[in-house]
Amino acid sequence: MTRPKGTFTARFRAGAYGWKGSRLAAQRIREALAEIKKVKRQDSVLAAEGAVLLIEKLVPAIERIDSSSGAIGTAVNRAVTEGA
């Protein structure tokens, strides 16, 4: 049996967010966290796999964002500490 992929994986492809995409990327991170937390209620192993997948896909997706405001760093830190 194969496990279903989360819907957030398509939103975190390499280079998905340009240099002005910090607000959109932060929103997508929050949505991915909400999805992982929802799955965690029923299947904690699948949620853990989703958290690892999020971390793997996150770095290539946000590498071009201008992080001078610190917004994306805050969103990533919150994602790592809260749920992923």
PDB file of N, CA and C in Angstrom:
ATOM      1  N   MET A   1       0.847  -1.184   0.000  1.00  0.00           N
ATOM      2  CA  MET A   1       0.000   0.000   0.000  1.00  0.00           C
ATOM      3  C   MET A   1       0.885   1.237   0.000  1.00  0.00           C
ATOM      4  N   THR A   2       0.603   2.169  -0.871  1.00  0.00           N
ATOM      5  CA  THR A   2       1.378   3.402  -0.920  1.00  0.00           C
ATOM      6  C   THR A   2       0.688   4.469  -0.085  1.00  0.00           C
ATOM      7  N   ARG A   3       1.487   5.307   0.494  1.00  0.00           N
ATOM      8  CA  ARG A   3       0.947   6.381   1.327  1.00  0.00           C
ATOM      9  C   ARG A   3       0.661   7.598   0.454  1.00  0.00           C
ATOM     10  N   PRO A   4      -0.431   8.296   0.722  1.00  0.00           N
ATOM     11  CA  PRO A   4      -0.750   9.475  -0.085  1.00  0.00           C
ATOM     12  C   PRO A   4       0.225  10.610   0.204  1.00  0.00           C
ATOM     13  N   LYS A   5       0.569  11.360  -0.828  1.00  0.00           N
ATOM     14  CA  LYS A   5       1.423  12.519  -0.644  1.00  0.00           C
ATOM     15  C   LYS A   5       0.573  13.678  -0.135  1.00  0.00           C
ATOM     16  N   GLY A   6       1.169  14.533   0.641  1.00  0.00           N
ATOM     17  CA  GLY A   6       0.466  15.715   1.113  1.00  0.00           C
ATOM     18  C   GLY A   6       0.277  16.701  -0.024  1.00  0.00           C
ATOM     19  N   THR A   7      -0.707  17.539   0.091  1.00  0.00           N
ATOM     20  CA  THR A   7      -0.940  18.513  -0.969  1.00  0.00           C
ATOM     21  C   THR A   7       0.099  19.614  -0.954  1.00  0.00           C
ATOM     22  N   PHE A   8       0.811  19.784   0.157  1.00  0.00           N
ATOM     23  CA  PHE A   8       1.791  20.856   0.239  1.00  0.00           C
ATOM     24  C   PHE A   8       3.044  20.587  -0.589  1.00  0.00           C
ATOM     25  N   THR A   9       3.305  19.341  -0.949  1.00  0.00           N
ATOM     26  CA  THR A   9       4.554  19.024  -1.637  1.00  0.00           C
ATOM     27  C   THR A   9       4.673  19.716  -2.995  1.00  0.00           C
ATOM     28  N   ALA A  10       3.580  19.904  -3.685  1.00  0.00           N
ATOM     29  CA  ALA A  10       3.627  20.570  -4.987  1.00  0.00           C
ATOM     30  C   ALA A  10       3.949  22.052  -4.859  1.00  0.00           C
ATOM     31  N   ARG A  11       3.692  22.630  -3.720  1.00  0.00           N
ATOM     32  CA  ARG A  11       3.936  24.062  -3.520  1.00  0.00           C
ATOM     33  C   ARG A  11       5.378  24.364  -3.128  1.00  0.00           C
ATOM     34  N   PHE A  12       6.149  23.344  -2.817  1.00  0.00           N
ATOM     35  CA  PHE A  12       7.530  23.544  -2.399  1.00  0.00           C
ATOM     36  C   PHE A  12       8.510  22.892  -3.373  1.00  0.00           C
ATOM     37  N   ARG A  13       8.452  23.295  -4.629  1.00  0.00           N
ATOM     38  CA  ARG A  13       9.410  22.802  -5.607  1.00  0.00           C
ATOM     39  C   ARG A  13      10.606  23.763  -5.653  1.00  0.00           C
ATOM     40  N   ALA A  14      11.706  23.318  -6.191  1.00  0.00           N
ATOM     41  CA  ALA A  14      12.932  24.117  -6.221  1.00  0.00           C
ATOM     42  C   ALA A  14      12.698  25.445  -6.947  1.00  0.00           C
ATOM     43  N   GLY A  15      13.098  26.526  -6.326  1.00  0.00           N
ATOM     44  CA  GLY A  15      12.959  27.852  -6.918  1.00  0.00           C
ATOM     45  C   GLY A  15      11.535  28.350  -7.030  1.00  0.00           C
ATOM     46  N   ALA A  16      10.646  27.829  -6.240  1.00  0.00           N
ATOM     47  CA  ALA A  16       9.230  28.172  -6.351  1.00  0.00           C
ATOM     48  C   ALA A  16       8.945  29.633  -6.007  1.00  0.00           C
ATOM     49  N   TYR A  17       9.741  30.210  -5.122  1.00  0.00           N
ATOM     50  CA  TYR A  17       9.479  31.569  -4.666  1.00  0.00           C
ATOM     51  C   TYR A  17      10.640  32.471  -5.044  1.00  0.00           C
ATOM     52  N   GLY A  18      10.308  33.580  -5.704  1.00  0.00           N
ATOM     53  CA  GLY A  18      11.319  34.548  -6.105  1.00  0.00           C
ATOM     54  C   GLY A  18      11.783  35.385  -4.934  1.00  0.00           C
ATOM     55  N   TRP A  19      12.566  36.389  -5.222  1.00  0.00           N
ATOM     56  CA  TRP A  19      13.168  37.165  -4.149  1.00  0.00           C
ATOM     57  C   TRP A  19      12.155  37.965  -3.349  1.00  0.00           C
ATOM     58  N   LYS A  20      10.973  38.213  -3.892  1.00  0.00           N
ATOM     59  CA  LYS A  20       9.939  38.947  -3.154  1.00  0.00           C
ATOM     60  C   LYS A  20       8.835  38.026  -2.635  1.00  0.00           C
ATOM     61  N   GLY A  21       9.100  36.753  -2.520  1.00  0.00           N
ATOM     62  CA  GLY A  21       8.061  35.797  -2.176  1.00  0.00           C
ATOM     63  C   GLY A  21       7.983  35.407  -0.716  1.00  0.00           C
ATOM     64  N   SER A  22       8.534  36.203   0.174  1.00  0.00           N
ATOM     65  CA  SER A  22       8.578  35.770   1.579  1.00  0.00           C
ATOM     66  C   SER A  22       7.190  35.669   2.196  1.00  0.00           C
ATOM     67  N   ARG A  23       6.286  36.587   1.871  1.00  0.00           N
ATOM     68  CA  ARG A  23       4.940  36.527   2.447  1.00  0.00           C
ATOM     69  C   ARG A  23       4.187  35.285   1.974  1.00  0.00           C
ATOM     70  N   LEU A  24       4.254  35.005   0.678  1.00  0.00           N
ATOM     71  CA  LEU A  24       3.574  33.831   0.129  1.00  0.00           C
ATOM     72  C   LEU A  24       4.199  32.541   0.665  1.00  0.00           C
ATOM     73  N   ALA A  25       5.522  32.497   0.738  1.00  0.00           N
ATOM     74  CA  ALA A  25       6.187  31.307   1.259  1.00  0.00           C
ATOM     75  C   ALA A  25       5.823  31.079   2.721  1.00  0.00           C
ATOM     76  N   ALA A  26       5.765  32.145   3.517  1.00  0.00           N
ATOM     77  CA  ALA A  26       5.387  32.009   4.925  1.00  0.00           C
ATOM     78  C   ALA A  26       3.963  31.478   5.046  1.00  0.00           C
ATOM     79  N   GLN A  27       3.079  31.943   4.174  1.00  0.00           N
ATOM     80  CA  GLN A  27       1.695  31.450   4.177  1.00  0.00           C
ATOM     81  C   GLN A  27       1.648  29.963   3.819  1.00  0.00           C
ATOM     82  N   ARG A  28       2.425  29.564   2.819  1.00  0.00           N
ATOM     83  CA  ARG A  28       2.456  28.153   2.410  1.00  0.00           C
ATOM     84  C   ARG A  28       3.040  27.275   3.507  1.00  0.00           C
ATOM     85  N   ILE A  29       4.002  27.793   4.257  1.00  0.00           N
ATOM     86  CA  ILE A  29       4.576  27.036   5.376  1.00  0.00           C
ATOM     87  C   ILE A  29       3.513  26.823   6.447  1.00  0.00           C
ATOM     88  N   ARG A  30       2.748  27.861   6.745  1.00  0.00           N
ATOM     89  CA  ARG A  30       1.666  27.728   7.734  1.00  0.00           C
ATOM     90  C   ARG A  30       0.632  26.707   7.270  1.00  0.00           C
ATOM     91  N   GLU A  31       0.284  26.734   5.989  1.00  0.00           N
ATOM     92  CA  GLU A  31      -0.678  25.767   5.450  1.00  0.00           C
ATOM     93  C   GLU A  31      -0.137  24.337   5.545  1.00  0.00           C
ATOM     94  N   ALA A  32       1.142  24.156   5.247  1.00  0.00           N
ATOM     95  CA  ALA A  32       1.747  22.824   5.338  1.00  0.00           C
ATOM     96  C   ALA A  32       1.743  22.337   6.777  1.00  0.00           C
ATOM     97  N   LEU A  33       2.044  23.214   7.724  1.00  0.00           N
ATOM     98  CA  LEU A  33       2.003  22.839   9.137  1.00  0.00           C
ATOM     99  C   LEU A  33       0.608  22.420   9.560  1.00  0.00           C
ATOM    100  N   ALA A  34      -0.391  23.164   9.111  1.00  0.00           N
ATOM    101  CA  ALA A  34      -1.771  22.816   9.445  1.00  0.00           C
ATOM    102  C   ALA A  34      -2.129  21.439   8.882  1.00  0.00           C
ATOM    103  N   GLU A  35      -1.678  21.153   7.673  1.00  0.00           N
ATOM    104  CA  GLU A  35      -1.951  19.849   7.064  1.00  0.00           C
ATOM    105  C   GLU A  35      -1.261  18.726   7.841  1.00  0.00           C
ATOM    106  N   ILE A  36      -0.022  18.960   8.239  1.00  0.00           N
ATOM    107  CA  ILE A  36       0.715  17.952   9.003  1.00  0.00           C
ATOM    108  C   ILE A  36       0.047  17.704  10.352  1.00  0.00           C
ATOM    109  N   LYS A  37      -0.380  18.772  11.013  1.00  0.00           N
ATOM    110  CA  LYS A  37      -1.039  18.625  12.314  1.00  0.00           C
ATOM    111  C   LYS A  37      -2.365  17.881  12.184  1.00  0.00           C
ATOM    112  N   LYS A  38      -3.084  18.111  11.087  1.00  0.00           N
ATOM    113  CA  LYS A  38      -4.354  17.421  10.856  1.00  0.00           C
ATOM    114  C   LYS A  38      -4.123  15.926  10.663  1.00  0.00           C
ATOM    115  N   VAL A  39      -3.104  15.575   9.901  1.00  0.00           N
ATOM    116  CA  VAL A  39      -2.778  14.170   9.669  1.00  0.00           C
ATOM    117  C   VAL A  39      -2.297  13.515  10.963  1.00  0.00           C
ATOM    118  N   LYS A  40      -1.599  14.275  11.786  1.00  0.00           N
ATOM    119  CA  LYS A  40      -1.035  13.740  13.032  1.00  0.00           C
ATOM    120  C   LYS A  40      -2.112  13.195  13.963  1.00  0.00           C
ATOM    121  N   ARG A  41      -3.309  13.756  13.913  1.00  0.00           N
ATOM    122  CA  ARG A  41      -4.399  13.280  14.767  1.00  0.00           C
ATOM    123  C   ARG A  41      -4.779  11.835  14.478  1.00  0.00           C
ATOM    124  N   GLN A  42      -4.582  11.403  13.228  1.00  0.00           N
ATOM    125  CA  GLN A  42      -4.986  10.051  12.849  1.00  0.00           C
ATOM    126  C   GLN A  42      -3.816   9.106  12.617  1.00  0.00           C
ATOM    127  N   ASP A  43      -2.696   9.635  12.136  1.00  0.00           N
ATOM    128  CA  ASP A  43      -1.553   8.779  11.816  1.00  0.00           C
ATOM    129  C   ASP A  43      -0.260   9.541  12.079  1.00  0.00           C
ATOM    130  N   SER A  44       0.322   9.307  13.240  1.00  0.00           N
ATOM    131  CA  SER A  44       1.511  10.069  13.633  1.00  0.00           C
ATOM    132  C   SER A  44       2.734   9.720  12.785  1.00  0.00           C
ATOM    133  N   VAL A  45       2.820   8.487  12.302  1.00  0.00           N
ATOM    134  CA  VAL A  45       3.951   8.095  11.448  1.00  0.00           C
ATOM    135  C   VAL A  45       3.887   8.833  10.116  1.00  0.00           C
ATOM    136  N   LEU A  46       2.717   8.894   9.535  1.00  0.00           N
ATOM    137  CA  LEU A  46       2.538   9.622   8.275  1.00  0.00           C
ATOM    138  C   LEU A  46       2.819  11.110   8.471  1.00  0.00           C
ATOM    139  N   ALA A  47       2.413  11.661   9.598  1.00  0.00           N
ATOM    140  CA  ALA A  47       2.689  13.067   9.891  1.00  0.00           C
ATOM    141  C   ALA A  47       4.189  13.307  10.023  1.00  0.00           C
ATOM    142  N   ALA A  48       4.897  12.398  10.653  1.00  0.00           N
ATOM    143  CA  ALA A  48       6.348  12.529  10.784  1.00  0.00           C
ATOM    144  C   ALA A  48       7.023  12.471   9.416  1.00  0.00           C
ATOM    145  N   GLU A  49       6.541  11.581   8.549  1.00  0.00           N
ATOM    146  CA  GLU A  49       7.079  11.515   7.188  1.00  0.00           C
ATOM    147  C   GLU A  49       6.809  12.822   6.440  1.00  0.00           C
ATOM    148  N   GLY A  50       5.639  13.388   6.645  1.00  0.00           N
ATOM    149  CA  GLY A  50       5.309  14.663   6.025  1.00  0.00           C
ATOM    150  C   GLY A  50       6.192  15.794   6.532  1.00  0.00           C
ATOM    151  N   ALA A  51       6.511  15.780   7.815  1.00  0.00           N
ATOM    152  CA  ALA A  51       7.383  16.808   8.393  1.00  0.00           C
ATOM    153  C   ALA A  51       8.787  16.717   7.798  1.00  0.00           C
ATOM    154  N   VAL A  52       9.289  15.498   7.652  1.00  0.00           N
ATOM    155  CA  VAL A  52      10.607  15.315   7.045  1.00  0.00           C
ATOM    156  C   VAL A  52      10.590  15.771   5.593  1.00  0.00           C
ATOM    157  N   LEU A  53       9.538  15.438   4.879  1.00  0.00           N
ATOM    158  CA  LEU A  53       9.398  15.845   3.484  1.00  0.00           C
ATOM    159  C   LEU A  53       9.344  17.367   3.364  1.00  0.00           C
ATOM    160  N   LEU A  54       8.645  18.017   4.277  1.00  0.00           N
ATOM    161  CA  LEU A  54       8.578  19.480   4.269  1.00  0.00           C
ATOM    162  C   LEU A  54       9.965  20.075   4.438  1.00  0.00           C
ATOM    163  N   ILE A  55      10.733  19.589   5.388  1.00  0.00           N
ATOM    164  CA  ILE A  55      12.070  20.113   5.614  1.00  0.00           C
ATOM    165  C   ILE A  55      12.961  19.879   4.392  1.00  0.00           C
ATOM    166  N   GLU A  56      12.831  18.710   3.767  1.00  0.00           N
ATOM    167  CA  GLU A  56      13.636  18.411   2.582  1.00  0.00           C
ATOM    168  C   GLU A  56      13.306  19.348   1.423  1.00  0.00           C
ATOM    169  N   LYS A  57      12.050  19.667   1.239  1.00  0.00           N
ATOM    170  CA  LYS A  57      11.625  20.486   0.108  1.00  0.00           C
ATOM    171  C   LYS A  57      11.714  21.988   0.390  1.00  0.00           C
ATOM    172  N   LEU A  58      11.790  22.356   1.635  1.00  0.00           N
ATOM    173  CA  LEU A  58      11.735  23.761   2.015  1.00  0.00           C
ATOM    174  C   LEU A  58      12.953  24.553   1.553  1.00  0.00           C
ATOM    175  N   VAL A  59      14.131  24.044   1.790  1.00  0.00           N
ATOM    176  CA  VAL A  59      15.350  24.788   1.476  1.00  0.00           C
ATOM    177  C   VAL A  59      15.467  25.113  -0.011  1.00  0.00           C
ATOM    178  N   PRO A  60      15.324  24.145  -0.917  1.00  0.00           N
ATOM    179  CA  PRO A  60      15.411  24.504  -2.339  1.00  0.00           C
ATOM    180  C   PRO A  60      14.302  25.465  -2.790  1.00  0.00           C
ATOM    181  N   ALA A  61      13.153  25.407  -2.151  1.00  0.00           N
ATOM    182  CA  ALA A  61      12.035  26.256  -2.564  1.00  0.00           C
ATOM    183  C   ALA A  61      12.234  27.713  -2.163  1.00  0.00           C
ATOM    184  N   ILE A  62      12.891  27.955  -1.037  1.00  0.00           N
ATOM    185  CA  ILE A  62      13.004  29.335  -0.541  1.00  0.00           C
ATOM    186  C   ILE A  62      14.395  29.929  -0.716  1.00  0.00           C
ATOM    187  N   GLU A  63      15.280  29.266  -1.438  1.00  0.00           N
ATOM    188  CA  GLU A  63      16.657  29.724  -1.523  1.00  0.00           C
ATOM    189  C   GLU A  63      16.826  31.078  -2.210  1.00  0.00           C
ATOM    190  N   ARG A  64      15.889  31.509  -3.013  1.00  0.00           N
ATOM    191  CA  ARG A  64      16.018  32.786  -3.736  1.00  0.00           C
ATOM    192  C   ARG A  64      15.299  33.943  -3.059  1.00  0.00           C
ATOM    193  N   ILE A  65      14.714  33.708  -1.919  1.00  0.00           N
ATOM    194  CA  ILE A  65      13.965  34.772  -1.232  1.00  0.00           C
ATOM    195  C   ILE A  65      14.920  35.734  -0.551  1.00  0.00           C
ATOM    196  N   ASP A  66      14.636  37.024  -0.685  1.00  0.00           N
ATOM    197  CA  ASP A  66      15.383  38.051   0.032  1.00  0.00           C
ATOM    198  C   ASP A  66      14.917  38.008   1.483  1.00  0.00           C
ATOM    199  N   SER A  67      15.797  37.606   2.363  1.00  0.00           N
ATOM    200  CA  SER A  67      15.401  37.407   3.756  1.00  0.00           C
ATOM    201  C   SER A  67      15.854  38.537   4.666  1.00  0.00           C
ATOM    202  N   SER A  68      16.029  39.729   4.119  1.00  0.00           N
ATOM    203  CA  SER A  68      16.516  40.835   4.939  1.00  0.00           C
ATOM    204  C   SER A  68      15.522  41.244   6.027  1.00  0.00           C
ATOM    205  N   SER A  69      14.240  41.014   5.811  1.00  0.00           N
ATOM    206  CA  SER A  69      13.242  41.371   6.822  1.00  0.00           C
ATOM    207  C   SER A  69      13.179  40.349   7.953  1.00  0.00           C
ATOM    208  N   GLY A  70      13.635  39.140   7.685  1.00  0.00           N
ATOM    209  CA  GLY A  70      13.609  38.088   8.689  1.00  0.00           C
ATOM    210  C   GLY A  70      12.305  37.329   8.741  1.00  0.00           C
ATOM    211  N   ALA A  71      11.342  37.676   7.898  1.00  0.00           N
ATOM    212  CA  ALA A  71      10.019  37.036   7.928  1.00  0.00           C
ATOM    213  C   ALA A  71      10.098  35.558   7.586  1.00  0.00           C
ATOM    214  N   ILE A  72      10.877  35.227   6.570  1.00  0.00           N
ATOM    215  CA  ILE A  72      10.943  33.826   6.170  1.00  0.00           C
ATOM    216  C   ILE A  72      11.711  33.011   7.208  1.00  0.00           C
ATOM    217  N   GLY A  73      12.725  33.612   7.796  1.00  0.00           N
ATOM    218  CA  GLY A  73      13.468  32.919   8.852  1.00  0.00           C
ATOM    219  C   GLY A  73      12.591  32.622  10.051  1.00  0.00           C
ATOM    220  N   THR A  74      11.736  33.571  10.406  1.00  0.00           N
ATOM    221  CA  THR A  74      10.802  33.374  11.508  1.00  0.00           C
ATOM    222  C   THR A  74       9.806  32.267  11.185  1.00  0.00           C
ATOM    223  N   ALA A  75       9.283  32.262   9.961  1.00  0.00           N
ATOM    224  CA  ALA A  75       8.314  31.243   9.563  1.00  0.00           C
ATOM    225  C   ALA A  75       8.941  29.850   9.568  1.00  0.00           C
ATOM    226  N   VAL A  76      10.164  29.737   9.070  1.00  0.00           N
ATOM    227  CA  VAL A  76      10.835  28.442   9.051  1.00  0.00           C
ATOM    228  C   VAL A  76      11.146  27.984  10.472  1.00  0.00           C
ATOM    229  N   ASN A  77      11.624  28.901  11.308  1.00  0.00           N
ATOM    230  CA  ASN A  77      11.912  28.550  12.699  1.00  0.00           C
ATOM    231  C   ASN A  77      10.656  28.077  13.413  1.00  0.00           C
ATOM    232  N   ARG A  78       9.566  28.763  13.193  1.00  0.00           N
ATOM    233  CA  ARG A  78       8.295  28.364  13.817  1.00  0.00           C
ATOM    234  C   ARG A  78       7.844  26.996  13.312  1.00  0.00           C
ATOM    235  N   ALA A  79       8.040  26.734  12.019  1.00  0.00           N
ATOM    236  CA  ALA A  79       7.646  25.440  11.455  1.00  0.00           C
ATOM    237  C   ALA A  79       8.473  24.310  12.067  1.00  0.00           C
ATOM    238  N   VAL A  80       9.739  24.538  12.251  1.00  0.00           N
ATOM    239  CA  VAL A  80      10.604  23.494  12.794  1.00  0.00           C
ATOM    240  C   VAL A  80      10.280  23.249  14.262  1.00  0.00           C
ATOM    241  N   THR A  81      10.067  24.308  15.027  1.00  0.00           N
ATOM    242  CA  THR A  81       9.840  24.129  16.457  1.00  0.00           C
ATOM    243  C   THR A  81       8.423  23.674  16.778  1.00  0.00           C
ATOM    244  N   GLU A  82       7.431  24.088  15.995  1.00  0.00           N
ATOM    245  CA  GLU A  82       6.043  23.744  16.309  1.00  0.00           C
ATOM    246  C   GLU A  82       5.641  22.350  15.881  1.00  0.00           C
ATOM    247  N   GLY A  83       5.912  22.016  14.649  1.00  0.00           N
ATOM    248  CA  GLY A  83       5.297  20.781  14.197  1.00  0.00           C
ATOM    249  C   GLY A  83       6.133  19.919  13.293  1.00  0.00           C
ATOM    250  N   ALA A  84       7.028  20.493  12.600  1.00  0.00           N
ATOM    251  CA  ALA A  84       7.767  19.705  11.614  1.00  0.00           C
ATOM    252  C   ALA A  84       8.993  19.063  12.209  1.00  0.00           C
TER     253      ALA A  84
END
